[in-house]
Amino acid sequence: MNLRFIDDKSTQLVLFDMDGVVAEFVSGEESLIQKEVPNVYLNKRPLKSVISIAEKLHEKENVTVGILSSCEFFSQIKEKKEWLA
């Protein structure tokens, strides 16, 4: 494996996963997600400690911060975007 370390002058990209990192993931909710139950994502509790870290990184000049996630259904994309707004 060829690893390249980023020097201090380069722009760095830091990505945070949404489910279980930025938003609480409750054990057992997989069945609700697979059944496409509405509002599963809209009712998630934000994990403020991680959000605080993301905000501090975002303030740095050479850091770009993003959120990544996956969805099983298109309706869940809308919910996740609304939650992040």
PDB file of N, CA and C in Angstrom:
ATOM      1  N   MET A   1       0.838  -1.167   0.000  1.00  0.00           N
ATOM      2  CA  MET A   1       0.000   0.000   0.000  1.00  0.00           C
ATOM      3  C   MET A   1       0.888   1.236   0.000  1.00  0.00           C
ATOM      4  N   ASN A   2       0.559   2.180  -0.848  1.00  0.00           N
ATOM      5  CA  ASN A   2       1.325   3.413  -0.955  1.00  0.00           C
ATOM      6  C   ASN A   2       0.548   4.537  -0.280  1.00  0.00           C
ATOM      7  N   LEU A   3       0.998   4.984   0.879  1.00  0.00           N
ATOM      8  CA  LEU A   3       0.341   6.054   1.608  1.00  0.00           C
ATOM      9  C   LEU A   3       1.055   7.370   1.357  1.00  0.00           C
ATOM     10  N   ARG A   4       0.266   8.409   1.145  1.00  0.00           N
ATOM     11  CA  ARG A   4       0.830   9.737   0.968  1.00  0.00           C
ATOM     12  C   ARG A   4       0.272  10.612   2.083  1.00  0.00           C
ATOM     13  N   PHE A   5       1.154  11.190   2.857  1.00  0.00           N
ATOM     14  CA  PHE A   5       0.726  12.059   3.938  1.00  0.00           C
ATOM     15  C   PHE A   5       0.557  13.472   3.421  1.00  0.00           C
ATOM     16  N   ILE A   6      -0.461  14.138   3.920  1.00  0.00           N
ATOM     17  CA  ILE A   6      -0.771  15.496   3.481  1.00  0.00           C
ATOM     18  C   ILE A   6       0.045  16.473   4.300  1.00  0.00           C
ATOM     19  N   ASP A   7       0.731  17.396   3.614  1.00  0.00           N
ATOM     20  CA  ASP A   7       1.508  18.386   4.356  1.00  0.00           C
ATOM     21  C   ASP A   7       0.580  19.500   4.845  1.00  0.00           C
ATOM     22  N   ASP A   8       1.092  20.365   5.681  1.00  0.00           N
ATOM     23  CA  ASP A   8       0.284  21.403   6.307  1.00  0.00           C
ATOM     24  C   ASP A   8      -0.276  22.428   5.325  1.00  0.00           C
ATOM     25  N   LYS A   9       0.282  22.519   4.130  1.00  0.00           N
ATOM     26  CA  LYS A   9      -0.156  23.525   3.163  1.00  0.00           C
ATOM     27  C   LYS A   9      -1.279  23.016   2.264  1.00  0.00           C
ATOM     28  N   SER A  10      -1.504  21.733   2.243  1.00  0.00           N
ATOM     29  CA  SER A  10      -2.538  21.160   1.379  1.00  0.00           C
ATOM     30  C   SER A  10      -3.912  21.297   2.013  1.00  0.00           C
ATOM     31  N   THR A  11      -4.913  21.390   1.168  1.00  0.00           N
ATOM     32  CA  THR A  11      -6.278  21.350   1.665  1.00  0.00           C
ATOM     33  C   THR A  11      -6.589  19.911   2.042  1.00  0.00           C
ATOM     34  N   GLN A  12      -7.170  19.732   3.211  1.00  0.00           N
ATOM     35  CA  GLN A  12      -7.498  18.408   3.696  1.00  0.00           C
ATOM     36  C   GLN A  12      -9.009  18.214   3.722  1.00  0.00           C
ATOM     37  N   LEU A  13      -9.453  17.040   3.358  1.00  0.00           N
ATOM     38  CA  LEU A  13     -10.863  16.700   3.354  1.00  0.00           C
ATOM     39  C   LEU A  13     -11.128  15.754   4.516  1.00  0.00           C
ATOM     40  N   VAL A  14     -12.056  16.149   5.379  1.00  0.00           N
ATOM     41  CA  VAL A  14     -12.448  15.309   6.512  1.00  0.00           C
ATOM     42  C   VAL A  14     -13.931  14.989   6.341  1.00  0.00           C
ATOM     43  N   LEU A  15     -14.255  13.697   6.272  1.00  0.00           N
ATOM     44  CA  LEU A  15     -15.639  13.266   6.096  1.00  0.00           C
ATOM     45  C   LEU A  15     -16.125  12.570   7.360  1.00  0.00           C
ATOM     46  N   PHE A  16     -17.326  12.908   7.775  1.00  0.00           N
ATOM     47  CA  PHE A  16     -17.960  12.279   8.921  1.00  0.00           C
ATOM     48  C   PHE A  16     -19.148  11.468   8.416  1.00  0.00           C
ATOM     49  N   ASP A  17     -19.270  10.245   8.889  1.00  0.00           N
ATOM     50  CA  ASP A  17     -20.439   9.436   8.570  1.00  0.00           C
ATOM     51  C   ASP A  17     -21.618   9.985   9.358  1.00  0.00           C
ATOM     52  N   MET A  18     -22.804   9.910   8.779  1.00  0.00           N
ATOM     53  CA  MET A  18     -23.971  10.438   9.469  1.00  0.00           C
ATOM     54  C   MET A  18     -24.478   9.460  10.536  1.00  0.00           C
ATOM     55  N   ASP A  19     -24.771   8.244  10.139  1.00  0.00           N
ATOM     56  CA  ASP A  19     -25.435   7.280  11.025  1.00  0.00           C
ATOM     57  C   ASP A  19     -24.475   6.716  12.064  1.00  0.00           C
ATOM     58  N   GLY A  20     -24.729   7.071  13.302  1.00  0.00           N
ATOM     59  CA  GLY A  20     -23.913   6.576  14.396  1.00  0.00           C
ATOM     60  C   GLY A  20     -22.703   7.435  14.709  1.00  0.00           C
ATOM     61  N   VAL A  21     -22.471   8.476  13.912  1.00  0.00           N
ATOM     62  CA  VAL A  21     -21.332   9.369  14.165  1.00  0.00           C
ATOM     63  C   VAL A  21     -21.842  10.793  14.413  1.00  0.00           C
ATOM     64  N   VAL A  22     -22.575  11.348  13.479  1.00  0.00           N
ATOM     65  CA  VAL A  22     -23.142  12.692  13.622  1.00  0.00           C
ATOM     66  C   VAL A  22     -24.564  12.610  14.169  1.00  0.00           C
ATOM     67  N   ALA A  23     -25.266  11.542  13.827  1.00  0.00           N
ATOM     68  CA  ALA A  23     -26.628  11.306  14.304  1.00  0.00           C
ATOM     69  C   ALA A  23     -26.674   9.973  15.042  1.00  0.00           C
ATOM     70  N   GLU A  24     -27.403   9.951  16.132  1.00  0.00           N
ATOM     71  CA  GLU A  24     -27.501   8.737  16.940  1.00  0.00           C
ATOM     72  C   GLU A  24     -28.084   7.577  16.132  1.00  0.00           C
ATOM     73  N   PHE A  25     -27.510   6.406  16.302  1.00  0.00           N
ATOM     74  CA  PHE A  25     -28.039   5.189  15.696  1.00  0.00           C
ATOM     75  C   PHE A  25     -28.494   4.288  16.830  1.00  0.00           C
ATOM     76  N   VAL A  26     -29.770   3.946  16.829  1.00  0.00           N
ATOM     77  CA  VAL A  26     -30.348   3.139  17.890  1.00  0.00           C
ATOM     78  C   VAL A  26     -30.383   1.680  17.443  1.00  0.00           C
ATOM     79  N   SER A  27     -29.869   0.817  18.284  1.00  0.00           N
ATOM     80  CA  SER A  27     -29.868  -0.609  17.980  1.00  0.00           C
ATOM     81  C   SER A  27     -31.292  -1.094  17.728  1.00  0.00           C
ATOM     82  N   GLY A  28     -31.477  -1.839  16.674  1.00  0.00           N
ATOM     83  CA  GLY A  28     -32.780  -2.382  16.330  1.00  0.00           C
ATOM     84  C   GLY A  28     -33.550  -1.572  15.304  1.00  0.00           C
ATOM     85  N   GLU A  29     -33.102  -0.357  15.001  1.00  0.00           N
ATOM     86  CA  GLU A  29     -33.855   0.457  14.047  1.00  0.00           C
ATOM     87  C   GLU A  29     -33.624   0.036  12.588  1.00  0.00           C
ATOM     88  N   GLU A  30     -32.744  -0.949  12.391  1.00  0.00           N
ATOM     89  CA  GLU A  30     -32.501  -1.430  11.020  1.00  0.00           C
ATOM     90  C   GLU A  30     -33.794  -1.925  10.380  1.00  0.00           C
ATOM     91  N   SER A  31     -34.646  -2.580  11.162  1.00  0.00           N
ATOM     92  CA  SER A  31     -35.894  -3.112  10.607  1.00  0.00           C
ATOM     93  C   SER A  31     -36.819  -1.987  10.156  1.00  0.00           C
ATOM     94  N   LEU A  32     -36.817  -0.870  10.885  1.00  0.00           N
ATOM     95  CA  LEU A  32     -37.629   0.284  10.479  1.00  0.00           C
ATOM     96  C   LEU A  32     -37.101   0.875   9.178  1.00  0.00           C
ATOM     97  N   ILE A  33     -35.786   0.925   9.066  1.00  0.00           N
ATOM     98  CA  ILE A  33     -35.160   1.476   7.863  1.00  0.00           C
ATOM     99  C   ILE A  33     -35.466   0.589   6.664  1.00  0.00           C
ATOM    100  N   GLN A  34     -35.345  -0.719   6.841  1.00  0.00           N
ATOM    101  CA  GLN A  34     -35.605  -1.658   5.746  1.00  0.00           C
ATOM    102  C   GLN A  34     -37.073  -1.667   5.328  1.00  0.00           C
ATOM    103  N   LYS A  35     -37.983  -1.339   6.257  1.00  0.00           N
ATOM    104  CA  LYS A  35     -39.415  -1.284   5.942  1.00  0.00           C
ATOM    105  C   LYS A  35     -39.828   0.089   5.420  1.00  0.00           C
ATOM    106  N   GLU A  36     -38.879   0.992   5.309  1.00  0.00           N
ATOM    107  CA  GLU A  36     -39.106   2.363   4.831  1.00  0.00           C
ATOM    108  C   GLU A  36     -40.138   3.105   5.676  1.00  0.00           C
ATOM    109  N   VAL A  37     -40.044   2.927   6.991  1.00  0.00           N
ATOM    110  CA  VAL A  37     -40.914   3.647   7.919  1.00  0.00           C
ATOM    111  C   VAL A  37     -40.539   5.132   7.869  1.00  0.00           C
ATOM    112  N   PRO A  38     -41.530   6.019   7.690  1.00  0.00           N
ATOM    113  CA  PRO A  38     -41.226   7.452   7.585  1.00  0.00           C
ATOM    114  C   PRO A  38     -40.662   8.033   8.879  1.00  0.00           C
ATOM    115  N   ASN A  39     -39.882   9.069   8.719  1.00  0.00           N
ATOM    116  CA  ASN A  39     -39.347   9.906   9.805  1.00  0.00           C
ATOM    117  C   ASN A  39     -38.330   9.225  10.716  1.00  0.00           C
ATOM    118  N   VAL A  40     -37.798   8.094  10.319  1.00  0.00           N
ATOM    119  CA  VAL A  40     -36.771   7.448  11.140  1.00  0.00           C
ATOM    120  C   VAL A  40     -35.571   8.382  11.275  1.00  0.00           C
ATOM    121  N   TYR A  41     -35.176   9.004  10.176  1.00  0.00           N
ATOM    122  CA  TYR A  41     -33.998   9.876  10.208  1.00  0.00           C
ATOM    123  C   TYR A  41     -34.312  11.240  10.799  1.00  0.00           C
ATOM    124  N   LEU A  42     -35.502  11.737  10.578  1.00  0.00           N
ATOM    125  CA  LEU A  42     -35.852  13.063  11.089  1.00  0.00           C
ATOM    126  C   LEU A  42     -35.882  13.113  12.612  1.00  0.00           C
ATOM    127  N   ASN A  43     -36.098  11.986  13.255  1.00  0.00           N
ATOM    128  CA  ASN A  43     -36.205  11.944  14.710  1.00  0.00           C
ATOM    129  C   ASN A  43     -34.907  11.567  15.411  1.00  0.00           C
ATOM    130  N   LYS A  44     -33.812  11.520  14.683  1.00  0.00           N
ATOM    131  CA  LYS A  44     -32.535  11.137  15.294  1.00  0.00           C
ATOM    132  C   LYS A  44     -31.980  12.272  16.162  1.00  0.00           C
ATOM    133  N   ARG A  45     -31.314  11.870  17.238  1.00  0.00           N
ATOM    134  CA  ARG A  45     -30.671  12.840  18.139  1.00  0.00           C
ATOM    135  C   ARG A  45     -29.296  13.195  17.581  1.00  0.00           C
ATOM    136  N   PRO A  46     -29.004  14.487  17.443  1.00  0.00           N
ATOM    137  CA  PRO A  46     -27.668  14.885  16.991  1.00  0.00           C
ATOM    138  C   PRO A  46     -26.624  14.587  18.056  1.00  0.00           C
ATOM    139  N   LEU A  47     -25.470  14.105  17.642  1.00  0.00           N
ATOM    140  CA  LEU A  47     -24.368  13.845  18.570  1.00  0.00           C
ATOM    141  C   LEU A  47     -23.500  15.104  18.614  1.00  0.00           C
ATOM    142  N   LYS A  48     -23.797  15.948  19.575  1.00  0.00           N
ATOM    143  CA  LYS A  48     -23.245  17.307  19.632  1.00  0.00           C
ATOM    144  C   LYS A  48     -21.734  17.349  19.783  1.00  0.00           C
ATOM    145  N   SER A  49     -21.147  16.357  20.452  1.00  0.00           N
ATOM    146  CA  SER A  49     -19.691  16.368  20.615  1.00  0.00           C
ATOM    147  C   SER A  49     -18.992  16.219  19.265  1.00  0.00           C
ATOM    148  N   VAL A  50     -19.527  15.368  18.405  1.00  0.00           N
ATOM    149  CA  VAL A  50     -18.934  15.182  17.079  1.00  0.00           C
ATOM    150  C   VAL A  50     -19.218  16.396  16.201  1.00  0.00           C
ATOM    151  N   ILE A  51     -20.410  16.925  16.298  1.00  0.00           N
ATOM    152  CA  ILE A  51     -20.758  18.121  15.521  1.00  0.00           C
ATOM    153  C   ILE A  51     -19.850  19.280  15.905  1.00  0.00           C
ATOM    154  N   SER A  52     -19.542  19.402  17.176  1.00  0.00           N
ATOM    155  CA  SER A  52     -18.635  20.452  17.649  1.00  0.00           C
ATOM    156  C   SER A  52     -17.243  20.294  17.034  1.00  0.00           C
ATOM    157  N   ILE A  53     -16.752  19.077  16.973  1.00  0.00           N
ATOM    158  CA  ILE A  53     -15.446  18.823  16.349  1.00  0.00           C
ATOM    159  C   ILE A  53     -15.488  19.191  14.870  1.00  0.00           C
ATOM    160  N   ALA A  54     -16.568  18.805  14.186  1.00  0.00           N
ATOM    161  CA  ALA A  54     -16.701  19.124  12.757  1.00  0.00           C
ATOM    162  C   ALA A  54     -16.726  20.636  12.545  1.00  0.00           C
ATOM    163  N   GLU A  55     -17.427  21.353  13.410  1.00  0.00           N
ATOM    164  CA  GLU A  55     -17.493  22.811  13.289  1.00  0.00           C
ATOM    165  C   GLU A  55     -16.119  23.444  13.497  1.00  0.00           C
ATOM    166  N   LYS A  56     -15.362  22.947  14.466  1.00  0.00           N
ATOM    167  CA  LYS A  56     -14.012  23.489  14.706  1.00  0.00           C
ATOM    168  C   LYS A  56     -13.089  23.218  13.520  1.00  0.00           C
ATOM    169  N   LEU A  57     -13.199  22.030  12.946  1.00  0.00           N
ATOM    170  CA  LEU A  57     -12.388  21.725  11.761  1.00  0.00           C
ATOM    171  C   LEU A  57     -12.780  22.607  10.586  1.00  0.00           C
ATOM    172  N   HIS A  58     -14.086  22.864  10.435  1.00  0.00           N
ATOM    173  CA  HIS A  58     -14.592  23.683   9.335  1.00  0.00           C
ATOM    174  C   HIS A  58     -14.044  25.115   9.392  1.00  0.00           C
ATOM    175  N   GLU A  59     -13.741  25.586  10.593  1.00  0.00           N
ATOM    176  CA  GLU A  59     -13.204  26.939  10.767  1.00  0.00           C
ATOM    177  C   GLU A  59     -11.767  27.057  10.275  1.00  0.00           C
ATOM    178  N   LYS A  60     -11.074  25.956  10.167  1.00  0.00           N
ATOM    179  CA  LYS A  60      -9.674  25.988   9.724  1.00  0.00           C
ATOM    180  C   LYS A  60      -9.612  26.299   8.229  1.00  0.00           C
ATOM    181  N   GLU A  61      -8.612  27.048   7.869  1.00  0.00           N
ATOM    182  CA  GLU A  61      -8.468  27.534   6.504  1.00  0.00           C
ATOM    183  C   GLU A  61      -8.233  26.419   5.479  1.00  0.00           C
ATOM    184  N   ASN A  62      -7.505  25.398   5.861  1.00  0.00           N
ATOM    185  CA  ASN A  62      -7.116  24.375   4.886  1.00  0.00           C
ATOM    186  C   ASN A  62      -7.887  23.068   5.037  1.00  0.00           C
ATOM    187  N   VAL A  63      -9.076  23.125   5.679  1.00  0.00           N
ATOM    188  CA  VAL A  63      -9.846  21.903   5.898  1.00  0.00           C
ATOM    189  C   VAL A  63     -11.240  22.048   5.300  1.00  0.00           C
ATOM    190  N   THR A  64     -11.639  21.078   4.521  1.00  0.00           N
ATOM    191  CA  THR A  64     -12.997  20.981   4.007  1.00  0.00           C
ATOM    192  C   THR A  64     -13.675  19.837   4.745  1.00  0.00           C
ATOM    193  N   VAL A  65     -14.844  20.104   5.300  1.00  0.00           N
ATOM    194  CA  VAL A  65     -15.571  19.103   6.081  1.00  0.00           C
ATOM    195  C   VAL A  65     -16.827  18.703   5.324  1.00  0.00           C
ATOM    196  N   GLY A  66     -17.129  17.415   5.338  1.00  0.00           N
ATOM    197  CA  GLY A  66     -18.336  16.927   4.688  1.00  0.00           C
ATOM    198  C   GLY A  66     -18.971  15.805   5.481  1.00  0.00           C
ATOM    199  N   ILE A  67     -20.221  15.522   5.137  1.00  0.00           N
ATOM    200  CA  ILE A  67     -20.975  14.424   5.751  1.00  0.00           C
ATOM    201  C   ILE A  67     -21.248  13.415   4.641  1.00  0.00           C
ATOM    202  N   LEU A  68     -21.052  12.143   4.957  1.00  0.00           N
ATOM    203  CA  LEU A  68     -21.406  11.114   3.982  1.00  0.00           C
ATOM    204  C   LEU A  68     -22.345  10.120   4.630  1.00  0.00           C
ATOM    205  N   SER A  69     -23.152   9.487   3.796  1.00  0.00           N
ATOM    206  CA  SER A  69     -24.128   8.535   4.294  1.00  0.00           C
ATOM    207  C   SER A  69     -24.651   7.705   3.133  1.00  0.00           C
ATOM    208  N   SER A  70     -25.356   6.651   3.459  1.00  0.00           N
ATOM    209  CA  SER A  70     -25.992   5.840   2.421  1.00  0.00           C
ATOM    210  C   SER A  70     -27.457   5.656   2.778  1.00  0.00           C
ATOM    211  N   CYS A  71     -28.250   5.345   1.780  1.00  0.00           N
ATOM    212  CA  CYS A  71     -29.692   5.143   1.971  1.00  0.00           C
ATOM    213  C   CYS A  71     -30.143   3.940   1.156  1.00  0.00           C
ATOM    214  N   GLU A  72     -31.164   3.267   1.662  1.00  0.00           N
ATOM    215  CA  GLU A  72     -31.750   2.157   0.919  1.00  0.00           C
ATOM    216  C   GLU A  72     -32.860   2.631  -0.008  1.00  0.00           C
ATOM    217  N   PHE A  73     -33.507   3.757   0.325  1.00  0.00           N
ATOM    218  CA  PHE A  73     -34.639   4.259  -0.449  1.00  0.00           C
ATOM    219  C   PHE A  73     -34.468   5.750  -0.712  1.00  0.00           C
ATOM    220  N   PHE A  74     -35.016   6.225  -1.840  1.00  0.00           N
ATOM    221  CA  PHE A  74     -34.897   7.641  -2.193  1.00  0.00           C
ATOM    222  C   PHE A  74     -35.552   8.542  -1.148  1.00  0.00           C
ATOM    223  N   SER A  75     -36.643   8.087  -0.525  1.00  0.00           N
ATOM    224  CA  SER A  75     -37.314   8.910   0.489  1.00  0.00           C
ATOM    225  C   SER A  75     -36.384   9.190   1.667  1.00  0.00           C
ATOM    226  N   GLN A  76     -35.474   8.289   1.952  1.00  0.00           N
ATOM    227  CA  GLN A  76     -34.540   8.476   3.055  1.00  0.00           C
ATOM    228  C   GLN A  76     -33.503   9.555   2.736  1.00  0.00           C
ATOM    229  N   ILE A  77     -33.194   9.735   1.477  1.00  0.00           N
ATOM    230  CA  ILE A  77     -32.277  10.811   1.081  1.00  0.00           C
ATOM    231  C   ILE A  77     -32.874  12.155   1.480  1.00  0.00           C
ATOM    232  N   LYS A  78     -34.147  12.347   1.168  1.00  0.00           N
ATOM    233  CA  LYS A  78     -34.835  13.596   1.512  1.00  0.00           C
ATOM    234  C   LYS A  78     -34.824  13.819   3.029  1.00  0.00           C
ATOM    235  N   GLU A  79     -35.125  12.766   3.788  1.00  0.00           N
ATOM    236  CA  GLU A  79     -35.133  12.888   5.246  1.00  0.00           C
ATOM    237  C   GLU A  79     -33.752  13.260   5.786  1.00  0.00           C
ATOM    238  N   LYS A  80     -32.735  12.617   5.276  1.00  0.00           N
ATOM    239  CA  LYS A  80     -31.377  12.897   5.760  1.00  0.00           C
ATOM    240  C   LYS A  80     -30.957  14.323   5.428  1.00  0.00           C
ATOM    241  N   LYS A  81     -31.269  14.769   4.221  1.00  0.00           N
ATOM    242  CA  LYS A  81     -30.935  16.154   3.848  1.00  0.00           C
ATOM    243  C   LYS A  81     -31.673  17.145   4.734  1.00  0.00           C
ATOM    244  N   GLU A  82     -32.936  16.859   5.039  1.00  0.00           N
ATOM    245  CA  GLU A  82     -33.709  17.733   5.908  1.00  0.00           C
ATOM    246  C   GLU A  82     -33.120  17.741   7.321  1.00  0.00           C
ATOM    247  N   TRP A  83     -32.723  16.583   7.811  1.00  0.00           N
ATOM    248  CA  TRP A  83     -32.125  16.501   9.146  1.00  0.00           C
ATOM    249  C   TRP A  83     -30.833  17.317   9.207  1.00  0.00           C
ATOM    250  N   LEU A  84     -30.024  17.237   8.167  1.00  0.00           N
ATOM    251  CA  LEU A  84     -28.749  17.951   8.148  1.00  0.00           C
ATOM    252  C   LEU A  84     -28.933  19.474   8.030  1.00  0.00           C
ATOM    253  N   ALA A  85     -30.045  19.897   7.447  1.00  0.00           N
ATOM    254  CA  ALA A  85     -30.301  21.336   7.279  1.00  0.00           C
ATOM    255  C   ALA A  85     -30.551  21.943   8.630  1.00  0.00           C
TER     256      ALA A  85
END
